[in-house]
C-alpha cells in the first residue's frame, strides 16, 4: 500500500482545494507546507485512479463525465 505524499485542502474559505502539504521524501514522515495553513483546516487524501473513479461515479449517477466534473473538486480533475 502506498503512503500519501500530498495532502490537499483549502487554505481559505473562498479558495478551492490545492496541495497544502507534501512529504519531504519517500521514506520520510516529515511534511512541508506549500502555503500558509490555518489551524483546523480539513485535509483531503485521494487514493486511487481518478479517471476510473469519474467513470464509475458518472455511470452510477447516470450523468456524463462532463456533467459530473462540474461538481468535482478542482484538485481531483488535475493531472
Protein backbone atom coordinates (compact mmCIF):
# COMPACT_ATOMS: atom_id res chain seq x y z
CA UNK A 1 0.00 0.00 0.00
CA UNK A 2 1.36 3.40 -0.94
CA UNK A 3 1.53 6.10 1.67
CA UNK A 4 0.24 9.59 1.00
CA UNK A 5 2.75 12.06 -0.37
CA UNK A 6 0.42 15.02 -0.87
CA UNK A 7 -2.42 16.32 1.31
CA UNK A 8 -4.98 18.67 -0.20
CA UNK A 9 -7.31 21.21 1.35
CA UNK A 10 -8.48 24.80 1.12
CA UNK A 11 -6.20 27.38 2.72
CA UNK A 12 -9.03 29.93 2.74
CA UNK A 13 -12.83 29.53 2.63
CA UNK A 14 -13.06 31.31 -0.73
CA UNK A 15 -10.41 29.12 -2.42
CA UNK A 16 -10.70 25.67 -3.94
CA UNK A 17 -8.67 22.67 -2.81
CA UNK A 18 -4.94 22.77 -3.57
CA UNK A 19 -1.87 20.91 -2.34
CA UNK A 20 -1.24 22.11 1.22
CA UNK A 21 1.42 19.64 2.37
CA UNK A 22 3.98 17.49 0.57
CA UNK A 23 6.08 14.76 2.11
CA UNK A 24 9.80 15.65 2.21
CA UNK A 25 10.90 12.24 0.93
CA UNK A 26 9.66 8.78 0.01
CA UNK A 27 10.70 7.22 3.33
CA UNK A 28 10.22 10.36 5.40
CA UNK A 29 7.49 11.05 7.93
CA UNK A 30 8.11 14.80 7.70
CA UNK A 31 5.82 17.15 5.79
CA UNK A 32 6.43 20.59 4.31
CA UNK A 33 3.59 23.09 3.97
CA UNK A 34 3.17 24.55 0.49
CA UNK A 35 1.23 27.62 1.66
CA UNK A 36 0.28 29.12 5.00
CA UNK A 37 -2.31 26.81 6.52
CA UNK A 38 -4.87 27.86 9.11
CA UNK A 39 -5.30 25.66 12.19
CA UNK A 40 -8.06 23.02 11.96
CA UNK A 41 -8.05 23.06 8.14
CA UNK A 42 -9.61 19.81 6.90
CA UNK A 43 -7.17 17.81 4.76
CA UNK A 44 -8.01 15.51 1.87
CA UNK A 45 -6.06 12.47 0.72
CA UNK A 46 -7.03 10.78 -2.54
CA UNK A 47 -6.02 7.20 -3.20
CA UNK A 48 -6.91 5.64 -6.49
CA UNK A 49 -7.29 6.15 -10.21
CA UNK A 50 -9.04 9.48 -10.76
CA UNK A 51 -10.23 8.69 -14.30
CA UNK A 52 -11.65 5.33 -13.24
CA UNK A 53 -13.39 6.97 -10.27
CA UNK A 54 -15.01 9.55 -12.57
CA UNK A 55 -16.19 6.78 -14.93
CA UNK A 56 -17.72 4.74 -12.10
CA UNK A 57 -19.36 7.77 -10.47
CA UNK A 58 -20.82 9.06 -13.74
CA UNK A 59 -22.35 5.65 -14.51
CA UNK A 60 -23.79 5.22 -11.01
CA UNK A 61 -25.30 8.73 -11.06
CA UNK A 62 -26.49 8.43 -14.68
CA UNK A 63 -24.53 11.53 -15.71
CA UNK A 64 -21.95 12.17 -18.39
CA UNK A 65 -18.37 12.64 -17.19
CA UNK A 66 -18.55 16.31 -18.24
CA UNK A 67 -21.69 16.84 -16.11
CA UNK A 68 -20.05 15.11 -13.16
CA UNK A 69 -16.89 17.22 -13.48
CA UNK A 70 -18.96 20.33 -12.75
CA UNK A 71 -19.40 19.00 -9.19
CA UNK A 72 -15.86 17.68 -8.65
CA UNK A 73 -13.28 19.49 -6.50
CA UNK A 74 -10.68 21.20 -8.75
CA UNK A 75 -7.68 19.19 -7.48
CA UNK A 76 -9.48 15.95 -8.34
CA UNK A 77 -9.51 16.96 -12.02
CA UNK A 78 -5.82 17.96 -12.16
CA UNK A 79 -3.37 15.60 -13.84
